[in-house]
């Protein structure tokens, strides 16, 4: 585990050194490209959500949540507690 962390730190340091070696103008350009891509991706997701929410055929069914414990206890066989059966005799 320590070796993995060391290798990861070394890799991140190499990336940082290569980033710092780039001219400031190129760093800004890459940052703007990243931001533009992020903005387009966000706009696409918001549009997709807006489009799906505006459709008339999209119905949401809201039902009560059923407790699985209560559902299990509805069986016709009655369940008895084990404590009453295993009482020590005095």
Protein backbone atom coordinates (compact mmCIF):
# COMPACT_ATOMS: atom_id res chain seq x y z
CA UNK A 1 0.00 0.00 0.00
CA UNK A 2 2.87 2.33 0.81
CA UNK A 3 4.44 1.55 -2.58
CA UNK A 4 1.22 2.50 -4.36
CA UNK A 5 1.09 5.82 -2.53
CA UNK A 6 4.74 6.52 -3.32
CA UNK A 7 4.24 5.78 -7.01
CA UNK A 8 1.09 7.92 -7.13
CA UNK A 9 2.87 10.84 -5.44
CA UNK A 10 5.79 10.50 -7.86
CA UNK A 11 3.42 10.49 -10.85
CA UNK A 12 1.55 13.56 -9.59
CA UNK A 13 4.85 15.37 -9.02
CA UNK A 14 5.90 14.59 -12.62
CA UNK A 15 2.58 15.93 -13.92
CA UNK A 16 2.96 19.07 -11.83
CA UNK A 17 6.49 19.64 -13.10
CA UNK A 18 5.38 19.23 -16.71
CA UNK A 19 2.47 21.62 -16.10
CA UNK A 20 4.78 24.20 -14.54
CA UNK A 21 7.16 23.84 -17.51
CA UNK A 22 4.42 24.97 -19.92
CA UNK A 23 4.27 28.65 -20.76
CA UNK A 24 1.58 30.62 -18.93
CA UNK A 25 -0.24 31.30 -22.19
CA UNK A 26 -0.57 27.56 -22.89
CA UNK A 27 -1.68 26.87 -19.31
CA UNK A 28 -4.45 29.44 -19.67
CA UNK A 29 -5.49 28.01 -23.04
CA UNK A 30 -5.71 24.47 -21.65
CA UNK A 31 -7.65 25.74 -18.65
CA UNK A 32 -10.11 27.53 -20.93
CA UNK A 33 -10.54 24.38 -23.05
CA UNK A 34 -11.23 22.35 -19.92
CA UNK A 35 -13.72 24.93 -18.67
CA UNK A 36 -15.48 25.11 -22.07
CA UNK A 37 -15.78 21.30 -22.16
CA UNK A 38 -17.13 21.26 -18.62
CA UNK A 39 -19.63 24.00 -19.50
CA UNK A 40 -20.84 22.10 -22.60
CA UNK A 41 -21.19 18.89 -20.62
CA UNK A 42 -23.16 20.67 -17.89
CA UNK A 43 -25.42 22.35 -20.45
CA UNK A 44 -26.08 18.98 -22.13
CA UNK A 45 -27.04 17.36 -18.80
CA UNK A 46 -29.32 20.26 -17.84
CA UNK A 47 -30.97 20.16 -21.28
CA UNK A 48 -31.49 16.38 -21.02
CA UNK A 49 -33.11 16.73 -17.59
CA UNK A 50 -35.28 19.63 -18.79
CA UNK A 51 -36.32 17.67 -21.89
CA UNK A 52 -37.24 14.54 -19.90
CA UNK A 53 -39.14 16.52 -17.28
CA UNK A 54 -41.17 18.37 -19.92
CA UNK A 55 -42.45 15.26 -21.67
CA UNK A 56 -46.16 14.63 -21.17
CA UNK A 57 -45.92 10.84 -21.13
CA UNK A 58 -43.53 10.72 -18.20
CA UNK A 59 -45.66 9.67 -15.24
CA UNK A 60 -44.21 9.04 -11.85
CA UNK A 61 -45.99 6.41 -9.80
CA UNK A 62 -45.94 7.17 -6.11
CA UNK A 63 -46.82 4.29 -3.82
CA UNK A 64 -46.44 3.54 -0.16
CA UNK A 65 -43.36 1.64 0.89
CA UNK A 66 -44.25 -1.69 2.40
CA UNK A 67 -42.33 -2.98 5.38
CA UNK A 68 -40.84 -6.39 4.46
CA UNK A 69 -40.98 -7.52 8.11
CA UNK A 70 -44.74 -6.98 8.24
CA UNK A 71 -45.13 -8.68 4.89
CA UNK A 72 -43.25 -11.73 6.19
CA UNK A 73 -45.44 -11.95 9.32
CA UNK A 74 -48.64 -12.14 7.26
CA UNK A 75 -48.03 -15.83 6.54
CA UNK A 76 -50.83 -18.17 7.71
CA UNK A 77 -48.48 -20.12 10.01
CA UNK A 78 -48.24 -18.42 13.39
CA UNK A 79 -44.74 -17.73 14.60
CA UNK A 80 -44.06 -18.29 18.27
CA UNK A 81 -41.21 -16.83 20.23
CA UNK A 82 -38.33 -19.11 21.15
CA UNK A 83 -37.85 -17.59 24.59
CA UNK A 84 -40.95 -19.24 26.01
CA UNK A 85 -39.87 -22.69 24.78
CA UNK A 86 -36.33 -22.58 26.13
CA UNK A 87 -37.00 -21.44 29.68
CA UNK A 88 -34.84 -23.31 32.16
CA UNK A 89 -36.81 -25.46 34.58
CA UNK A 90 -36.42 -24.65 38.26
